[in-house]
Amino acid sequence: MRYIILIIFSICFVPNLHAQIYEGGLFLGGSNFIGDVGSTTYIAPNKPAVGLLLKWNRSPRHSFRASIMYTELEGNDSKSSDPRRIARNYDFKNSILEFSVGMEFTFLDFDLHSTDHQMTPYLYTGISTARHNNYYFQNNIQTSENLQSWAYGIPMVLGFKTTTMIDGVIFGAEIGVRYTFSDEIDGSVPDAPSRESLSFGNLNSNDWYVFSGITLTYTFGQKPCYSDY
């Protein structure tokens, strides 16, 4: 009986696995940090960011998505609108390498095999993890822990994408906020328990960072199973 079930499963699902369409491409843009050091402006890119994207389109309305992003986050109290931060005058830099997987949902059908011009807003969410260096502040100076940690988080991305005059190339623009479950990226909470006394800022608020930019992806693979053409 189990062999019959296996054969039925293979007939129903295996052809669909080969009948999908994929996208691969680049993210180019900027990043900014929101935490206990620097400006609290939500969208204010101050460092370049680059990334690689891969999508598996399962229908005209949703796709699985994975990405790798790299940037150097920066915060400077002198650029804050908070007088207390300006007086404190801390600043930090921390490079991060982020991995993210999740699902992208479009507001409108986005059929890559239609001959009509396609465009739609979209949402993306999932899970992310970012590798970063550990720091702490001593005598008002950012000091390295010589350790690295992973900041797990939830990406919340709003974007708009459209097909282009180049066959198979899709252009997009997006703003992606990452809420993390870490308060260590800016050094306000040292990773080492022995330096707990050096913690500062709002200990009940975790770190956020934002990617803003454009995407260029190229489609490849066979005609999807949802296409009627």
C-alpha atoms as a PDB file:
ATOM      1  CA  MET A   1       0.000   0.000   0.000  1.00  0.00           C
ATOM      2  CA  ARG A   2       2.792   2.410   0.856  1.00  0.00           C
ATOM      3  CA  TYR A   3       4.283   1.951  -2.628  1.00  0.00           C
ATOM      4  CA  ILE A   4       0.962   2.917  -4.229  1.00  0.00           C
ATOM      5  CA  ILE A   5       0.788   6.054  -2.080  1.00  0.00           C
ATOM      6  CA  LEU A   6       4.377   6.903  -3.041  1.00  0.00           C
ATOM      7  CA  ILE A   7       3.589   6.491  -6.767  1.00  0.00           C
ATOM      8  CA  ILE A   8       0.475   8.682  -6.497  1.00  0.00           C
ATOM      9  CA  PHE A   9       2.472  11.331  -4.593  1.00  0.00           C
ATOM     10  CA  SER A  10       5.180  11.302  -7.267  1.00  0.00           C
ATOM     11  CA  ILE A  11       2.674  11.653 -10.111  1.00  0.00           C
ATOM     12  CA  CYS A  12       0.851  14.544  -8.437  1.00  0.00           C
ATOM     13  CA  PHE A  13       3.738  16.556  -7.105  1.00  0.00           C
ATOM     14  CA  VAL A  14       6.969  15.816  -8.938  1.00  0.00           C
ATOM     15  CA  PRO A  15       5.842  17.330 -12.277  1.00  0.00           C
ATOM     16  CA  ASN A  16       4.927  20.533 -10.443  1.00  0.00           C
ATOM     17  CA  LEU A  17       8.402  20.754  -8.964  1.00  0.00           C
ATOM     18  CA  HIS A  18       9.794  20.939 -12.485  1.00  0.00           C
ATOM     19  CA  ALA A  19       7.092  23.291 -13.699  1.00  0.00           C
ATOM     20  CA  GLN A  20       7.943  26.304 -11.585  1.00  0.00           C
ATOM     21  CA  ILE A  21       9.692  29.504 -12.549  1.00  0.00           C
ATOM     22  CA  TYR A  22      12.529  31.049 -10.577  1.00  0.00           C
ATOM     23  CA  GLU A  23      14.091  34.484 -10.163  1.00  0.00           C
ATOM     24  CA  GLY A  24      17.628  35.340  -9.212  1.00  0.00           C
ATOM     25  CA  GLY A  25      19.229  38.740  -8.926  1.00  0.00           C
ATOM     26  CA  LEU A  26      20.638  41.632  -6.954  1.00  0.00           C
ATOM     27  CA  PHE A  27      19.628  44.105  -4.275  1.00  0.00           C
ATOM     28  CA  LEU A  28      21.381  47.502  -4.341  1.00  0.00           C
ATOM     29  CA  GLY A  29      20.642  50.268  -1.889  1.00  0.00           C
ATOM     30  CA  GLY A  30      21.384  51.559   1.578  1.00  0.00           C
ATOM     31  CA  SER A  31      20.860  50.781   5.246  1.00  0.00           C
ATOM     32  CA  ASN A  32      20.230  52.580   8.490  1.00  0.00           C
ATOM     33  CA  PHE A  33      20.102  51.547  12.133  1.00  0.00           C
ATOM     34  CA  ILE A  34      17.477  52.274  14.784  1.00  0.00           C
ATOM     35  CA  GLY A  35      18.521  51.607  18.358  1.00  0.00           C
ATOM     36  CA  ASP A  36      20.134  53.166  21.419  1.00  0.00           C
ATOM     37  CA  VAL A  37      22.863  55.014  19.488  1.00  0.00           C
ATOM     38  CA  GLY A  38      22.348  57.465  16.658  1.00  0.00           C
ATOM     39  CA  SER A  39      19.335  58.868  14.888  1.00  0.00           C
ATOM     40  CA  THR A  40      15.859  57.446  15.485  1.00  0.00           C
ATOM     41  CA  THR A  41      14.647  58.316  11.972  1.00  0.00           C
ATOM     42  CA  TYR A  42      13.048  55.182  10.549  1.00  0.00           C
ATOM     43  CA  ILE A  43      14.091  55.528   6.908  1.00  0.00           C
ATOM     44  CA  ALA A  44      17.399  57.346   6.502  1.00  0.00           C
ATOM     45  CA  PRO A  45      19.978  55.252   4.571  1.00  0.00           C
ATOM     46  CA  ASN A  46      23.518  56.253   5.502  1.00  0.00           C
ATOM     47  CA  LYS A  47      25.573  53.233   4.380  1.00  0.00           C
ATOM     48  CA  PRO A  48      25.548  51.197   1.135  1.00  0.00           C
ATOM     49  CA  ALA A  49      23.972  47.731   1.178  1.00  0.00           C
ATOM     50  CA  VAL A  50      24.174  44.893  -1.343  1.00  0.00           C
ATOM     51  CA  GLY A  51      22.524  41.514  -1.558  1.00  0.00           C
ATOM     52  CA  LEU A  52      21.570  38.442  -3.572  1.00  0.00           C
ATOM     53  CA  LEU A  53      17.969  37.298  -4.045  1.00  0.00           C
ATOM     54  CA  LEU A  54      16.421  33.994  -5.104  1.00  0.00           C
ATOM     55  CA  LYS A  55      12.683  33.449  -5.554  1.00  0.00           C
ATOM     56  CA  TRP A  56      10.594  30.383  -6.295  1.00  0.00           C
ATOM     57  CA  ASN A  57       7.272  31.541  -7.725  1.00  0.00           C
ATOM     58  CA  ARG A  58       4.536  29.102  -6.731  1.00  0.00           C
ATOM     59  CA  SER A  59       1.578  31.106  -8.088  1.00  0.00           C
ATOM     60  CA  PRO A  60       0.858  34.566  -9.548  1.00  0.00           C
ATOM     61  CA  ARG A  61       0.213  35.772  -5.978  1.00  0.00           C
ATOM     62  CA  HIS A  62       2.963  34.253  -3.823  1.00  0.00           C
ATOM     63  CA  SER A  63       6.532  32.992  -3.932  1.00  0.00           C
ATOM     64  CA  PHE A  64       9.177  31.634  -1.591  1.00  0.00           C
ATOM     65  CA  ARG A  65      12.135  33.978  -1.228  1.00  0.00           C
ATOM     66  CA  ALA A  66      15.664  33.760   0.172  1.00  0.00           C
ATOM     67  CA  SER A  67      18.310  36.468   0.410  1.00  0.00           C
ATOM     68  CA  ILE A  68      21.828  37.241   1.588  1.00  0.00           C
ATOM     69  CA  MET A  69      22.505  40.895   2.490  1.00  0.00           C
ATOM     70  CA  TYR A  70      25.644  42.734   3.568  1.00  0.00           C
ATOM     71  CA  THR A  71      26.059  46.214   4.977  1.00  0.00           C
ATOM     72  CA  GLU A  72      27.862  48.236   7.614  1.00  0.00           C
ATOM     73  CA  LEU A  73      25.431  49.697  10.117  1.00  0.00           C
ATOM     74  CA  GLU A  74      26.336  53.070  11.577  1.00  0.00           C
ATOM     75  CA  GLY A  75      24.921  55.194  14.368  1.00  0.00           C
ATOM     76  CA  ASN A  76      26.025  58.673  15.421  1.00  0.00           C
ATOM     77  CA  ASP A  77      24.470  60.543  18.340  1.00  0.00           C
ATOM     78  CA  SER A  78      25.412  63.895  16.814  1.00  0.00           C
ATOM     79  CA  LYS A  79      22.889  63.219  14.037  1.00  0.00           C
ATOM     80  CA  SER A  80      20.060  62.526  16.464  1.00  0.00           C
ATOM     81  CA  SER A  81      17.228  64.926  17.275  1.00  0.00           C
ATOM     82  CA  ASP A  82      17.367  63.859  20.946  1.00  0.00           C
ATOM     83  CA  PRO A  83      19.336  66.448  23.029  1.00  0.00           C
ATOM     84  CA  ARG A  84      20.416  63.728  25.474  1.00  0.00           C
ATOM     85  CA  ARG A  85      22.004  61.688  22.707  1.00  0.00           C
ATOM     86  CA  ILE A  86      23.668  64.739  21.217  1.00  0.00           C
ATOM     87  CA  ALA A  87      25.200  65.521  24.625  1.00  0.00           C
ATOM     88  CA  ARG A  88      26.335  61.899  25.055  1.00  0.00           C
ATOM     89  CA  ASN A  89      27.949  61.909  21.561  1.00  0.00           C
ATOM     90  CA  TYR A  90      28.419  58.157  21.096  1.00  0.00           C
ATOM     91  CA  ASP A  91      28.982  56.619  17.669  1.00  0.00           C
ATOM     92  CA  PHE A  92      29.421  53.056  16.419  1.00  0.00           C
ATOM     93  CA  LYS A  93      29.931  50.984  13.264  1.00  0.00           C
ATOM     94  CA  ASN A  94      29.141  47.307  12.879  1.00  0.00           C
ATOM     95  CA  SER A  95      29.173  45.188   9.719  1.00  0.00           C
ATOM     96  CA  ILE A  96      26.431  42.571   9.373  1.00  0.00           C
ATOM     97  CA  LEU A  97      25.839  39.614   7.082  1.00  0.00           C
ATOM     98  CA  GLU A  98      22.145  38.718   6.987  1.00  0.00           C
ATOM     99  CA  PHE A  99      20.420  35.553   5.803  1.00  0.00           C
ATOM    100  CA  SER A 100      16.658  35.626   5.334  1.00  0.00           C
ATOM    101  CA  VAL A 101      13.966  33.205   4.130  1.00  0.00           C
ATOM    102  CA  GLY A 102      10.230  33.676   3.875  1.00  0.00           C
ATOM    103  CA  MET A 103       7.297  34.295   1.603  1.00  0.00           C
ATOM    104  CA  GLU A 104       6.452  37.161  -0.735  1.00  0.00           C
ATOM    105  CA  PHE A 105       2.802  38.062  -1.390  1.00  0.00           C
ATOM    106  CA  THR A 106       1.650  40.284  -4.256  1.00  0.00           C
ATOM    107  CA  PHE A 107      -1.430  42.515  -4.106  1.00  0.00           C
ATOM    108  CA  LEU A 108      -2.208  41.753  -7.767  1.00  0.00           C
ATOM    109  CA  ASP A 109      -1.617  38.757 -10.020  1.00  0.00           C
ATOM    110  CA  PHE A 110       1.962  38.793 -11.310  1.00  0.00           C
ATOM    111  CA  ASP A 111       1.989  36.252 -14.133  1.00  0.00           C
ATOM    112  CA  LEU A 112       5.486  36.117 -15.589  1.00  0.00           C
ATOM    113  CA  HIS A 113       4.269  34.256 -18.683  1.00  0.00           C
ATOM    114  CA  SER A 114       1.617  36.759 -19.649  1.00  0.00           C
ATOM    115  CA  THR A 115       2.329  38.909 -22.696  1.00  0.00           C
ATOM    116  CA  ASP A 116       0.831  41.906 -20.863  1.00  0.00           C
ATOM    117  CA  HIS A 117       2.923  44.312 -18.838  1.00  0.00           C
ATOM    118  CA  GLN A 118       2.950  43.213 -15.183  1.00  0.00           C
ATOM    119  CA  MET A 119       3.241  45.384 -12.072  1.00  0.00           C
ATOM    120  CA  THR A 120       2.160  45.059  -8.457  1.00  0.00           C
ATOM    121  CA  PRO A 121       2.925  46.098  -4.874  1.00  0.00           C
ATOM    122  CA  TYR A 122       4.095  43.249  -2.636  1.00  0.00           C
ATOM    123  CA  LEU A 123       4.803  42.275   0.951  1.00  0.00           C
ATOM    124  CA  TYR A 124       7.576  40.009   2.201  1.00  0.00           C
ATOM    125  CA  THR A 125       8.056  38.506   5.649  1.00  0.00           C
ATOM    126  CA  GLY A 126       9.741  35.502   7.202  1.00  0.00           C
ATOM    127  CA  ILE A 127      12.733  35.018   9.476  1.00  0.00           C
ATOM    128  CA  SER A 128      16.239  36.461   9.374  1.00  0.00           C
ATOM    129  CA  THR A 129      19.536  36.111  11.174  1.00  0.00           C
ATOM    130  CA  ALA A 130      22.422  38.568  11.006  1.00  0.00           C
ATOM    131  CA  ARG A 131      26.005  37.884  12.047  1.00  0.00           C
ATOM    132  CA  HIS A 132      27.597  40.884  13.733  1.00  0.00           C
ATOM    133  CA  ASN A 133      30.573  41.803  15.886  1.00  0.00           C
ATOM    134  CA  ASN A 134      30.149  42.369  19.622  1.00  0.00           C
ATOM    135  CA  TYR A 135      31.093  45.730  21.116  1.00  0.00           C
ATOM    136  CA  TYR A 136      30.725  47.714  24.309  1.00  0.00           C
ATOM    137  CA  PHE A 137      31.388  51.338  25.256  1.00  0.00           C
ATOM    138  CA  GLN A 138      34.121  52.159  27.725  1.00  0.00           C
ATOM    139  CA  ASN A 139      35.229  55.742  28.389  1.00  0.00           C
ATOM    140  CA  ASN A 140      32.785  56.786  25.645  1.00  0.00           C
ATOM    141  CA  ILE A 141      34.693  54.733  23.050  1.00  0.00           C
ATOM    142  CA  GLN A 142      33.381  51.742  21.102  1.00  0.00           C
ATOM    143  CA  THR A 143      35.500  48.757  22.137  1.00  0.00           C
ATOM    144  CA  SER A 144      35.548  45.318  20.526  1.00  0.00           C
ATOM    145  CA  GLU A 145      34.631  42.109  22.367  1.00  0.00           C
ATOM    146  CA  ASN A 146      36.554  40.087  19.723  1.00  0.00           C
ATOM    147  CA  LEU A 147      33.433  37.923  19.495  1.00  0.00           C
ATOM    148  CA  GLN A 148      30.561  37.544  17.055  1.00  0.00           C
ATOM    149  CA  SER A 149      26.873  36.875  17.623  1.00  0.00           C
ATOM    150  CA  TRP A 150      23.739  36.217  15.576  1.00  0.00           C
ATOM    151  CA  ALA A 151      20.793  38.608  15.766  1.00  0.00           C
ATOM    152  CA  TYR A 152      17.590  36.754  14.871  1.00  0.00           C
ATOM    153  CA  GLY A 153      14.721  38.818  13.579  1.00  0.00           C
ATOM    154  CA  ILE A 154      11.584  39.298  11.516  1.00  0.00           C
ATOM    155  CA  PRO A 155      11.821  41.101   8.154  1.00  0.00           C
ATOM    156  CA  MET A 156       8.854  43.282   7.164  1.00  0.00           C
ATOM    157  CA  VAL A 157       9.223  44.463   3.567  1.00  0.00           C
ATOM    158  CA  LEU A 158       6.960  46.602   1.399  1.00  0.00           C
ATOM    159  CA  GLY A 159       7.849  46.909  -2.282  1.00  0.00           C
ATOM    160  CA  PHE A 160       6.724  47.427  -5.849  1.00  0.00           C
ATOM    161  CA  LYS A 161       7.884  45.418  -8.862  1.00  0.00           C
ATOM    162  CA  THR A 162       7.310  45.520 -12.603  1.00  0.00           C
ATOM    163  CA  THR A 163       8.367  43.713 -15.743  1.00  0.00           C
ATOM    164  CA  THR A 164      10.690  45.639 -18.065  1.00  0.00           C
ATOM    165  CA  MET A 165      11.324  46.013 -21.759  1.00  0.00           C
ATOM    166  CA  ILE A 166      14.094  43.419 -21.395  1.00  0.00           C
ATOM    167  CA  ASP A 167      12.519  39.986 -21.576  1.00  0.00           C
ATOM    168  CA  GLY A 168      12.840  38.115 -18.295  1.00  0.00           C
ATOM    169  CA  VAL A 169      14.156  41.081 -16.258  1.00  0.00           C
ATOM    170  CA  ILE A 170      12.073  42.380 -13.348  1.00  0.00           C
ATOM    171  CA  PHE A 171      12.703  45.717 -11.652  1.00  0.00           C
ATOM    172  CA  GLY A 172      11.631  46.394  -8.066  1.00  0.00           C
ATOM    173  CA  ALA A 173      11.965  48.937  -5.294  1.00  0.00           C
ATOM    174  CA  GLU A 174      11.484  48.105  -1.634  1.00  0.00           C
ATOM    175  CA  ILE A 175      11.878  49.230   1.964  1.00  0.00           C
ATOM    176  CA  GLY A 176      12.526  46.450   4.447  1.00  0.00           C
ATOM    177  CA  VAL A 177      12.472  46.884   8.224  1.00  0.00           C
ATOM    178  CA  ARG A 178      14.109  44.205  10.364  1.00  0.00           C
ATOM    179  CA  TYR A 179      12.962  43.845  13.963  1.00  0.00           C
ATOM    180  CA  THR A 180      15.566  41.831  15.864  1.00  0.00           C
ATOM    181  CA  PHE A 181      15.470  39.909  19.111  1.00  0.00           C
ATOM    182  CA  SER A 182      18.844  41.399  20.033  1.00  0.00           C
ATOM    183  CA  ASP A 183      19.980  44.585  21.769  1.00  0.00           C
ATOM    184  CA  GLU A 184      23.688  44.017  21.136  1.00  0.00           C
ATOM    185  CA  ILE A 185      24.300  45.362  17.625  1.00  0.00           C
ATOM    186  CA  ASP A 186      25.135  48.925  18.743  1.00  0.00           C
ATOM    187  CA  GLY A 187      27.065  47.862  21.855  1.00  0.00           C
ATOM    188  CA  SER A 188      24.457  49.172  24.292  1.00  0.00           C
ATOM    189  CA  VAL A 189      24.180  45.712  25.889  1.00  0.00           C
ATOM    190  CA  PRO A 190      27.578  43.942  26.043  1.00  0.00           C
ATOM    191  CA  ASP A 191      27.466  40.226  25.307  1.00  0.00           C
ATOM    192  CA  ALA A 192      29.777  39.370  28.217  1.00  0.00           C
ATOM    193  CA  PRO A 193      27.951  39.132  31.597  1.00  0.00           C
ATOM    194  CA  SER A 194      31.008  40.626  33.306  1.00  0.00           C
ATOM    195  CA  ARG A 195      30.333  43.923  31.476  1.00  0.00           C
ATOM    196  CA  GLU A 196      26.649  44.151  32.366  1.00  0.00           C
ATOM    197  CA  SER A 197      27.325  47.382  34.268  1.00  0.00           C
ATOM    198  CA  LEU A 198      28.280  49.044  30.963  1.00  0.00           C
ATOM    199  CA  SER A 199      24.779  48.601  29.521  1.00  0.00           C
ATOM    200  CA  PHE A 200      22.835  51.751  28.674  1.00  0.00           C
ATOM    201  CA  GLY A 201      19.775  52.971  26.804  1.00  0.00           C
ATOM    202  CA  ASN A 202      16.302  51.449  26.774  1.00  0.00           C
ATOM    203  CA  LEU A 203      16.836  47.851  27.824  1.00  0.00           C
ATOM    204  CA  ASN A 204      13.207  47.029  26.942  1.00  0.00           C
ATOM    205  CA  SER A 205      13.625  47.979  23.272  1.00  0.00           C
ATOM    206  CA  ASN A 206      15.537  45.778  20.841  1.00  0.00           C
ATOM    207  CA  ASP A 207      17.543  46.846  17.797  1.00  0.00           C
ATOM    208  CA  TRP A 208      16.047  47.521  14.367  1.00  0.00           C
ATOM    209  CA  TYR A 209      17.681  48.106  11.006  1.00  0.00           C
ATOM    210  CA  VAL A 210      16.339  49.009   7.574  1.00  0.00           C
ATOM    211  CA  PHE A 211      17.290  48.165   3.989  1.00  0.00           C
ATOM    212  CA  SER A 212      16.046  50.548   1.272  1.00  0.00           C
ATOM    213  CA  GLY A 213      16.851  50.055  -2.392  1.00  0.00           C
ATOM    214  CA  ILE A 214      16.125  48.479  -5.751  1.00  0.00           C
ATOM    215  CA  THR A 215      16.096  44.901  -7.001  1.00  0.00           C
ATOM    216  CA  LEU A 216      16.937  43.509 -10.425  1.00  0.00           C
ATOM    217  CA  THR A 217      16.060  39.874 -10.997  1.00  0.00           C
ATOM    218  CA  TYR A 218      16.089  37.559 -13.985  1.00  0.00           C
ATOM    219  CA  THR A 219      13.515  34.799 -14.468  1.00  0.00           C
ATOM    220  CA  PHE A 220      14.440  31.262 -15.465  1.00  0.00           C
ATOM    221  CA  GLY A 221      12.892  27.790 -15.387  1.00  0.00           C
ATOM    222  CA  GLN A 222      10.003  26.106 -17.153  1.00  0.00           C
ATOM    223  CA  LYS A 223       6.484  27.431 -17.590  1.00  0.00           C
ATOM    224  CA  PRO A 224       4.733  27.352 -14.183  1.00  0.00           C
ATOM    225  CA  CYS A 225       1.887  24.950 -13.502  1.00  0.00           C
ATOM    226  CA  TYR A 226      -0.514  27.839 -12.895  1.00  0.00           C
ATOM    227  CA  SER A 227      -0.012  29.227 -16.447  1.00  0.00           C
ATOM    228  CA  ASP A 228      -2.848  28.711 -18.924  1.00  0.00           C
ATOM    229  CA  TYR A 229      -0.758  29.632 -21.975  1.00  0.00           C
END
